[in-house]
Protein backbone atom coordinates (compact mmCIF):
# COMPACT_ATOMS: atom_id res chain seq x y z
CA MET A 1 -34.63 -10.38 -42.29
CA ARG A 2 -36.45 -12.66 -39.83
CA VAL A 3 -34.17 -14.77 -37.63
CA ALA A 4 -35.14 -17.40 -35.06
CA VAL A 5 -32.46 -17.78 -32.38
CA THR A 6 -32.51 -20.66 -29.92
CA GLY A 7 -30.82 -20.14 -26.56
CA GLY A 8 -31.00 -16.39 -26.95
CA ALA A 9 -31.21 -15.76 -23.20
CA GLY A 10 -27.85 -17.41 -22.60
CA PHE A 11 -24.43 -15.81 -22.69
CA ILE A 12 -23.51 -16.05 -26.39
CA GLY A 13 -27.15 -16.15 -27.48
CA SER A 14 -28.03 -12.87 -25.76
CA ALA A 15 -25.01 -11.16 -27.32
CA LEU A 16 -26.17 -12.41 -30.71
CA VAL A 17 -29.75 -11.26 -30.13
CA ARG A 18 -28.59 -7.80 -29.06
CA HIS A 19 -26.43 -7.57 -32.18
CA LEU A 20 -29.18 -8.70 -34.56
CA VAL A 21 -31.90 -6.51 -33.00
CA LEU A 22 -29.93 -3.35 -32.23
CA ASP A 23 -27.12 -3.29 -34.80
CA LYS A 24 -28.71 -5.07 -37.76
CA GLY A 25 -32.37 -4.19 -37.23
CA TYR A 26 -33.53 -7.76 -37.93
CA GLU A 27 -36.80 -9.19 -36.68
CA VAL A 28 -35.76 -11.75 -34.06
CA LEU A 29 -37.67 -14.54 -32.35
CA ASN A 30 -35.76 -15.73 -29.29
CA ILE A 31 -36.65 -19.29 -28.24
CA ASP A 32 -35.29 -20.19 -24.82
CA LYS A 33 -36.14 -22.65 -22.05
CA LEU A 34 -34.72 -20.28 -19.39
CA THR A 35 -32.63 -22.83 -17.52
CA TYR A 36 -30.41 -21.67 -14.66
CA ALA A 37 -27.92 -20.09 -17.13
CA GLY A 38 -30.52 -18.23 -19.18
CA THR A 39 -32.05 -14.99 -17.97
CA GLU A 40 -34.17 -12.37 -19.68
CA THR A 41 -32.25 -9.68 -17.79
CA SER A 42 -29.47 -10.20 -20.35
CA LEU A 43 -31.94 -8.89 -22.94
CA LYS A 44 -32.96 -5.72 -21.11
CA ALA A 45 -31.55 -3.63 -23.98
CA VAL A 46 -33.94 -5.18 -26.52
CA GLY A 47 -37.01 -5.63 -24.34
CA GLY A 48 -40.00 -3.78 -25.77
CA ARG A 49 -38.44 -3.38 -29.22
CA ALA A 50 -40.93 -3.91 -32.04
CA ASN A 51 -38.50 -6.22 -33.86
CA TYR A 52 -37.95 -8.56 -30.88
CA ARG A 53 -40.11 -11.40 -29.62
CA PHE A 54 -39.54 -14.00 -26.92
CA LEU A 55 -40.91 -17.54 -26.72
CA HIS A 56 -40.42 -19.60 -23.56
CA ALA A 57 -40.01 -23.09 -25.01
CA ASP A 58 -37.77 -26.14 -24.94
CA VAL A 59 -35.94 -27.08 -28.16
CA CYS A 60 -36.94 -30.69 -27.44
CA ASP A 61 -40.64 -29.73 -27.68
CA ARG A 62 -41.41 -30.52 -31.31
CA ALA A 63 -44.96 -29.16 -31.26
CA ALA A 64 -43.89 -25.82 -29.78
CA ILE A 65 -41.01 -25.42 -32.22
CA THR A 66 -43.17 -26.36 -35.21
CA ASP A 67 -45.81 -23.80 -34.24
CA ALA A 68 -43.13 -21.15 -33.65
CA LEU A 69 -41.57 -21.60 -37.09
CA LEU A 70 -44.91 -21.60 -38.89
CA GLY A 71 -46.04 -18.49 -37.04
CA PHE A 72 -42.82 -16.47 -37.32
CA ARG A 73 -41.71 -17.65 -40.81
CA PRO A 74 -37.93 -17.21 -40.26
CA GLN A 75 -35.47 -16.86 -43.12
CA ARG A 76 -32.71 -18.11 -40.83
CA ILE A 77 -32.49 -20.31 -37.77
CA MET A 78 -29.45 -19.82 -35.54
CA HIS A 79 -29.28 -22.72 -33.11
CA LEU A 80 -27.33 -21.93 -29.95
CA ALA A 81 -29.46 -23.60 -27.25
CA ALA A 82 -27.20 -25.97 -25.31
CA GLU A 83 -26.04 -27.08 -21.91
CA SER A 84 -22.49 -25.77 -21.94
CA HIS A 85 -20.59 -26.10 -18.66
CA VAL A 86 -18.06 -28.94 -18.70
CA ASP A 87 -18.06 -29.28 -14.90
CA ARG A 88 -21.83 -29.74 -14.78
CA SER A 89 -21.65 -32.33 -17.56
CA ILE A 90 -19.39 -34.49 -15.42
CA THR A 91 -22.04 -34.88 -12.72
CA GLY A 92 -25.19 -34.47 -14.83
CA ALA A 93 -24.52 -35.84 -18.30
CA LYS A 94 -28.13 -36.70 -19.13
CA ASP A 95 -29.18 -33.04 -19.41
CA PHE A 96 -26.42 -32.53 -21.97
CA VAL A 97 -27.50 -35.48 -24.08
CA ASP A 98 -31.15 -34.40 -23.90
CA THR A 99 -30.61 -30.76 -24.88
CA ASN A 100 -27.52 -30.91 -27.06
CA VAL A 101 -28.22 -34.11 -28.97
CA LEU A 102 -31.98 -34.66 -28.90
CA GLY A 103 -32.70 -30.93 -28.92
CA THR A 104 -30.56 -30.44 -32.02
CA PHE A 105 -32.26 -33.40 -33.70
CA THR A 106 -35.67 -31.87 -32.95
CA MET A 107 -34.64 -28.45 -34.26
CA LEU A 108 -33.27 -29.97 -37.47
CA GLU A 109 -36.40 -32.01 -38.06
CA CYS A 110 -38.68 -29.03 -37.41
CA ALA A 111 -36.52 -26.86 -39.66
CA ARG A 112 -36.52 -29.50 -42.40
CA HIS A 113 -40.29 -29.80 -42.50
CA TYR A 114 -40.69 -26.02 -42.38
CA TRP A 115 -38.09 -25.57 -45.16
CA MET A 116 -39.74 -28.19 -47.38
CA GLY A 117 -42.95 -26.13 -47.27
CA LEU A 118 -41.31 -22.96 -48.59
CA ASP A 119 -41.47 -21.80 -52.19
CA ALA A 120 -38.37 -22.21 -54.36
CA ASP A 121 -37.04 -18.70 -53.79
CA ALA A 122 -37.44 -18.83 -50.00
CA LYS A 123 -35.97 -22.34 -49.95
CA GLY A 124 -32.84 -21.10 -51.70
CA LYS A 125 -32.32 -18.26 -49.23
CA PHE A 126 -33.01 -20.22 -46.03
CA ARG A 127 -30.11 -21.10 -43.70
CA PHE A 128 -29.76 -23.17 -40.52
CA LEU A 129 -26.66 -22.26 -38.50
CA HIS A 130 -25.62 -24.82 -35.91
CA VAL A 131 -23.32 -23.21 -33.32
CA SER A 132 -20.77 -25.45 -31.62
CA THR A 133 -17.45 -25.47 -29.78
CA ASP A 134 -13.77 -26.17 -30.37
CA GLU A 135 -13.91 -28.69 -27.52
CA VAL A 136 -15.20 -31.31 -29.99
CA TYR A 137 -11.63 -31.51 -31.34
CA GLY A 138 -10.16 -32.67 -28.04
CA SER A 139 -6.79 -31.51 -26.78
CA LEU A 140 -3.78 -30.03 -28.60
CA GLY A 141 -0.12 -30.45 -27.78
CA GLU A 142 2.23 -27.51 -27.41
CA LYS A 143 2.08 -26.71 -31.13
CA GLY A 144 -0.56 -26.64 -33.83
CA LEU A 145 -4.07 -25.24 -34.19
CA PHE A 146 -7.55 -26.66 -34.66
CA THR A 147 -8.67 -26.36 -38.28
CA GLU A 148 -11.96 -27.32 -39.88
CA GLN A 149 -10.30 -30.62 -40.89
CA THR A 150 -9.15 -31.59 -37.38
CA PRO A 151 -10.61 -35.01 -36.43
CA TYR A 152 -13.11 -35.01 -33.58
CA ASP A 153 -11.80 -36.34 -30.26
CA PRO A 154 -14.07 -35.11 -27.43
CA SER A 155 -13.00 -35.65 -23.83
CA SER A 156 -15.97 -34.64 -21.66
CA PRO A 157 -19.69 -35.46 -21.68
CA TYR A 158 -20.26 -31.85 -22.79
CA SER A 159 -17.90 -31.99 -25.76
CA ALA A 160 -19.14 -35.46 -26.71
CA SER A 161 -22.72 -34.22 -26.80
CA LYS A 162 -21.70 -31.25 -28.97
CA ALA A 163 -19.70 -33.52 -31.28
CA ALA A 164 -22.77 -35.70 -31.72
CA SER A 165 -24.92 -32.67 -32.53
CA ASP A 166 -22.37 -31.46 -35.11
CA HIS A 167 -22.46 -34.82 -36.88
CA ILE A 168 -26.25 -34.86 -36.86
CA ALA A 169 -26.41 -31.34 -38.32
CA LYS A 170 -23.99 -32.21 -41.13
CA ALA A 171 -25.83 -35.45 -41.83
CA TRP A 172 -29.11 -33.54 -42.25
CA ALA A 173 -27.37 -31.38 -44.84
CA ARG A 174 -25.99 -34.34 -46.75
CA THR A 175 -29.00 -36.64 -46.50
CA TYR A 176 -31.90 -34.20 -46.80
CA GLY A 177 -30.27 -31.20 -48.48
CA LEU A 178 -31.15 -28.91 -45.57
CA PRO A 179 -29.01 -25.75 -45.99
CA VAL A 180 -26.93 -26.18 -42.81
CA VAL A 181 -23.75 -24.31 -41.85
CA VAL A 182 -21.74 -25.20 -38.72
CA SER A 183 -19.49 -23.00 -36.58
CA ASN A 184 -17.04 -24.05 -33.88
CA CYS A 185 -15.77 -21.39 -31.51
CA SER A 186 -13.04 -21.00 -28.92
CA ASN A 187 -13.69 -19.95 -25.29
CA ASN A 188 -15.92 -16.88 -25.08
CA TYR A 189 -15.81 -14.20 -22.41
CA GLY A 190 -17.39 -10.80 -21.82
CA PRO A 191 -20.49 -9.21 -20.23
CA TYR A 192 -23.50 -11.28 -19.12
CA HIS A 193 -21.43 -14.45 -18.61
CA PHE A 194 -22.95 -16.79 -16.00
CA PRO A 195 -20.85 -16.68 -12.80
CA GLU A 196 -19.86 -20.37 -12.85
CA LYS A 197 -17.42 -19.89 -15.76
CA LEU A 198 -13.73 -19.12 -15.15
CA ILE A 199 -13.51 -15.40 -15.90
CA PRO A 200 -16.70 -14.14 -14.20
CA LEU A 201 -16.09 -16.54 -11.30
CA MET A 202 -12.61 -15.11 -10.72
CA ILE A 203 -13.87 -11.52 -10.96
CA LEU A 204 -16.73 -11.99 -8.51
CA ASN A 205 -14.77 -14.14 -6.07
CA ALA A 206 -12.00 -11.52 -6.08
CA MET A 207 -14.57 -8.80 -5.52
CA GLU A 208 -15.89 -10.65 -2.47
CA GLY A 209 -12.50 -11.70 -1.11
CA GLN A 210 -13.16 -15.40 -1.74
CA THR A 211 -10.53 -17.88 -2.91
CA LEU A 212 -9.78 -18.09 -6.62
CA PRO A 213 -9.74 -21.84 -7.40
CA VAL A 214 -7.41 -22.77 -10.26
CA TYR A 215 -7.47 -26.36 -11.53
CA GLY A 216 -4.24 -28.38 -11.44
CA ASN A 217 -1.17 -26.20 -11.93
CA GLY A 218 -2.98 -23.59 -14.04
CA THR A 219 -1.08 -24.34 -17.24
CA ASN A 220 -4.08 -25.43 -19.35
CA ILE A 221 -4.29 -23.10 -22.35
CA ARG A 222 -7.41 -21.62 -23.94
CA ASP A 223 -7.90 -19.36 -26.96
CA TRP A 224 -10.11 -16.48 -25.77
CA LEU A 225 -12.77 -14.83 -27.93
CA TYR A 226 -14.69 -11.71 -26.89
CA VAL A 227 -18.39 -12.52 -27.10
CA ASP A 228 -19.37 -9.50 -29.24
CA ASP A 229 -16.76 -10.51 -31.82
CA HIS A 230 -18.32 -13.96 -31.86
CA ALA A 231 -21.82 -12.53 -32.34
CA ARG A 232 -20.64 -10.60 -35.41
CA ALA A 233 -18.99 -13.76 -36.76
CA LEU A 234 -22.17 -15.80 -36.39
CA ASP A 235 -24.20 -13.24 -38.33
CA ILE A 236 -21.60 -13.24 -41.12
CA ILE A 237 -21.44 -17.04 -41.25
CA ALA A 238 -25.23 -17.32 -41.42
CA GLU A 239 -25.34 -14.69 -44.17
CA ARG A 240 -22.41 -15.71 -46.36
CA GLY A 241 -21.16 -19.11 -45.21
CA ARG A 242 -21.22 -21.92 -47.74
CA ILE A 243 -23.83 -24.62 -47.19
CA GLY A 244 -22.43 -27.78 -45.63
CA GLU A 245 -19.23 -26.05 -44.52
CA THR A 246 -17.73 -25.57 -41.08
CA TYR A 247 -16.18 -22.28 -39.93
CA ASN A 248 -13.90 -22.04 -36.89
CA VAL A 249 -14.19 -18.83 -34.86
CA GLY A 250 -11.24 -17.89 -32.65
CA GLY A 251 -9.72 -14.76 -31.19
CA ARG A 252 -6.05 -15.73 -31.60
CA ASN A 253 -5.60 -15.00 -27.91
CA GLU A 254 -3.98 -18.01 -26.27
CA ARG A 255 -3.48 -17.72 -22.52
CA ARG A 256 -2.70 -20.16 -19.70
CA ASN A 257 -5.48 -20.27 -17.14
CA ILE A 258 -3.16 -18.93 -14.46
CA GLU A 259 -2.23 -16.02 -16.73
CA VAL A 260 -5.92 -15.18 -17.12
CA VAL A 261 -6.43 -15.23 -13.36
CA GLU A 262 -3.29 -13.18 -12.70
CA ARG A 263 -4.42 -10.58 -15.25
CA ILE A 264 -7.82 -10.33 -13.58
CA CYS A 265 -6.11 -9.86 -10.22
CA LEU A 266 -4.00 -6.98 -11.57
CA LEU A 267 -7.08 -5.30 -13.04
CA MET A 268 -8.95 -5.75 -9.77
CA ASP A 269 -5.98 -4.24 -7.90
CA ALA A 270 -6.29 -1.15 -10.10
CA MET A 271 -10.09 -0.88 -10.33
CA ARG A 272 -11.14 -2.14 -6.88
CA PRO A 273 -8.15 -1.98 -4.47
CA SER A 274 -8.32 -4.35 -1.50
CA THR A 275 -6.30 -4.81 1.69
CA GLY A 276 -3.69 -6.66 -0.35
CA PRO A 277 -3.01 -7.86 -3.90
CA HIS A 278 -5.84 -10.01 -5.19
CA ASN A 279 -3.46 -12.76 -6.33
CA ARG A 280 -3.09 -13.73 -2.67
CA LEU A 281 -6.51 -15.36 -3.08
CA ILE A 282 -5.33 -17.82 -5.77
CA THR A 283 -5.68 -21.42 -4.61
CA TYR A 284 -4.68 -24.47 -6.65
CA VAL A 285 -7.23 -27.30 -6.47
CA GLY A 286 -7.43 -30.83 -7.82
CA ASP A 287 -7.70 -30.95 -11.59
CA ARG A 288 -10.93 -31.47 -13.48
CA PRO A 289 -11.40 -35.05 -14.79
CA GLY A 290 -10.49 -35.25 -18.49
CA HIS A 291 -9.17 -31.67 -18.51
CA ASP A 292 -7.90 -30.87 -22.04
CA ALA A 293 -4.41 -29.34 -22.05
CA ARG A 294 -4.75 -26.79 -24.83
CA TYR A 295 -7.25 -25.37 -27.31
CA ALA A 296 -6.31 -23.00 -30.12
CA ILE A 297 -8.35 -22.10 -33.18
CA ASP A 298 -7.14 -21.39 -36.70
CA ALA A 299 -9.74 -18.89 -37.96
CA THR A 300 -8.05 -18.37 -41.34
CA LYS A 301 -10.99 -19.75 -43.34
CA LEU A 302 -13.45 -17.36 -41.67
CA GLU A 303 -11.05 -14.42 -41.96
CA THR A 304 -10.09 -14.92 -45.61
CA GLU A 305 -13.31 -16.32 -47.08
CA LEU A 306 -15.86 -14.20 -45.21
CA GLY A 307 -13.76 -11.19 -44.15
CA TRP A 308 -14.31 -11.42 -40.37
CA LYS A 309 -11.70 -10.13 -37.94
CA ALA A 310 -11.78 -10.04 -34.15
CA ARG A 311 -11.82 -6.44 -32.92
CA GLU A 312 -10.80 -7.11 -29.32
CA THR A 313 -7.45 -8.39 -28.11
CA PHE A 314 -7.46 -10.28 -24.83
CA ASP A 315 -6.04 -7.27 -23.03
CA THR A 316 -8.73 -4.87 -24.29
CA GLY A 317 -11.52 -7.40 -23.86
CA ILE A 318 -10.63 -8.50 -20.35
CA GLU A 319 -10.38 -4.89 -19.15
CA LYS A 320 -13.86 -4.20 -20.54
CA THR A 321 -15.16 -7.38 -18.93
CA VAL A 322 -13.81 -6.69 -15.44
CA GLY A 323 -15.17 -3.14 -15.63
CA TRP A 324 -18.58 -4.39 -16.71
CA TYR A 325 -18.91 -6.76 -13.75
CA LEU A 326 -17.85 -4.05 -11.33
CA ASP A 327 -20.52 -1.73 -12.74
CA ASN A 328 -23.39 -4.19 -13.15
CA GLU A 329 -24.14 -5.88 -9.85
CA TRP A 330 -27.86 -5.56 -10.69
CA TRP A 331 -27.36 -8.32 -13.28
CA TRP A 332 -25.08 -10.81 -11.53
CA ALA A 333 -26.14 -10.48 -7.89
CA PRO A 334 -29.45 -12.43 -8.27
CA LEU A 335 -27.63 -15.20 -10.17
CA ARG A 336 -24.88 -15.29 -7.58
CA LYS A 337 -27.44 -16.07 -4.87
CA GLY A 338 -28.20 -19.36 -6.59
CA TYR A 339 -24.55 -20.12 -7.29
CA GLY A 340 -22.08 -18.89 -4.69
CA GLY A 341 -18.83 -19.69 -6.46
CA ALA A 342 -18.14 -23.21 -5.18
CA ARG A 343 -16.21 -25.65 -7.31
CA LEU A 344 -18.25 -27.88 -9.63
CA GLY A 345 -17.36 -31.04 -11.54
CA LEU A 346 -16.30 -33.34 -8.70
CA ILE A 347 -17.18 -36.99 -9.19
CA GLU A 348 -18.67 -37.88 -5.82
CA ALA A 349 -20.41 -41.09 -6.78
CA THR A 350 -20.71 -43.21 -9.90
CA ASP A 351 -24.47 -42.80 -10.16
CA LYS A 352 -24.14 -38.98 -10.23
CA VAL A 353 -22.17 -39.10 -13.47
CA VAL A 354 -25.29 -40.08 -15.37
CA ALA A 355 -27.93 -38.55 -13.12
């Protein structure tokens, strides 16, 4: 099996690449632009493997992508390349439109022309998996879950750009017959997560005795999914998912943000004792603009139709995650130099929203 993965140096992408190369033995071509959130150090475990290749390229570069597909001849394309941090989208929306919308369009067009040149047998086996987020659905109330039929209602520039890319991917399936499958996942966490995101930010700030900034009153709820569980799900969806369908991927682990931070503090108290309990560092800050109240995924379709189950609970996964960051300063320390843990997503001036 030959699989082209875009964004394979990012958080979820690198977990997927490691799974495909090490666990499945697939031949993998990783196409990544290596933006600030992508680093080849996340792929140390697969570097030098005969079944792994890396291409430094932008998904918006049609010529580079066309050449890559013709040279590698993938049987699957798994498209994960995206700008993904909501806070950064608030002050730099253009990058999100460029990569998430125009980049997805370019990938679909390159895939379509490549697919049209295949023989009948290869055409029938080819799949394009477009990987997206539950944030396209907007915000839930106290009850209910996101299903594959939930109407789209994005709140942030990030989620709007992903919603647009989802619609484009599905349109390419309906209009051109391209064998596209779409997945929408809940919040991921685990090793190799860039330090700007909530869980690694709290771990590293706690480690360094810095404040732990919690938006609003900390009651926003997210459904947490361990990244290795997500990687397994993506492989299963690409292999057995029905063409034109959407599959929601969630860990069934709803937690308030403040509960997540408190749990990290307790684990840090046990694993890396300080002069006092780490929860003394918690500081409530002004809320993020357009902050969705609650996300929660109904993964029944994926679980019943394709047989996937999450292996990690939040308690087991967060303990592994905290331990990993404590043991792997070699990975996060260089990234931390470029991003010291300050709050992002403040609207300082109107022109910065679209810069």
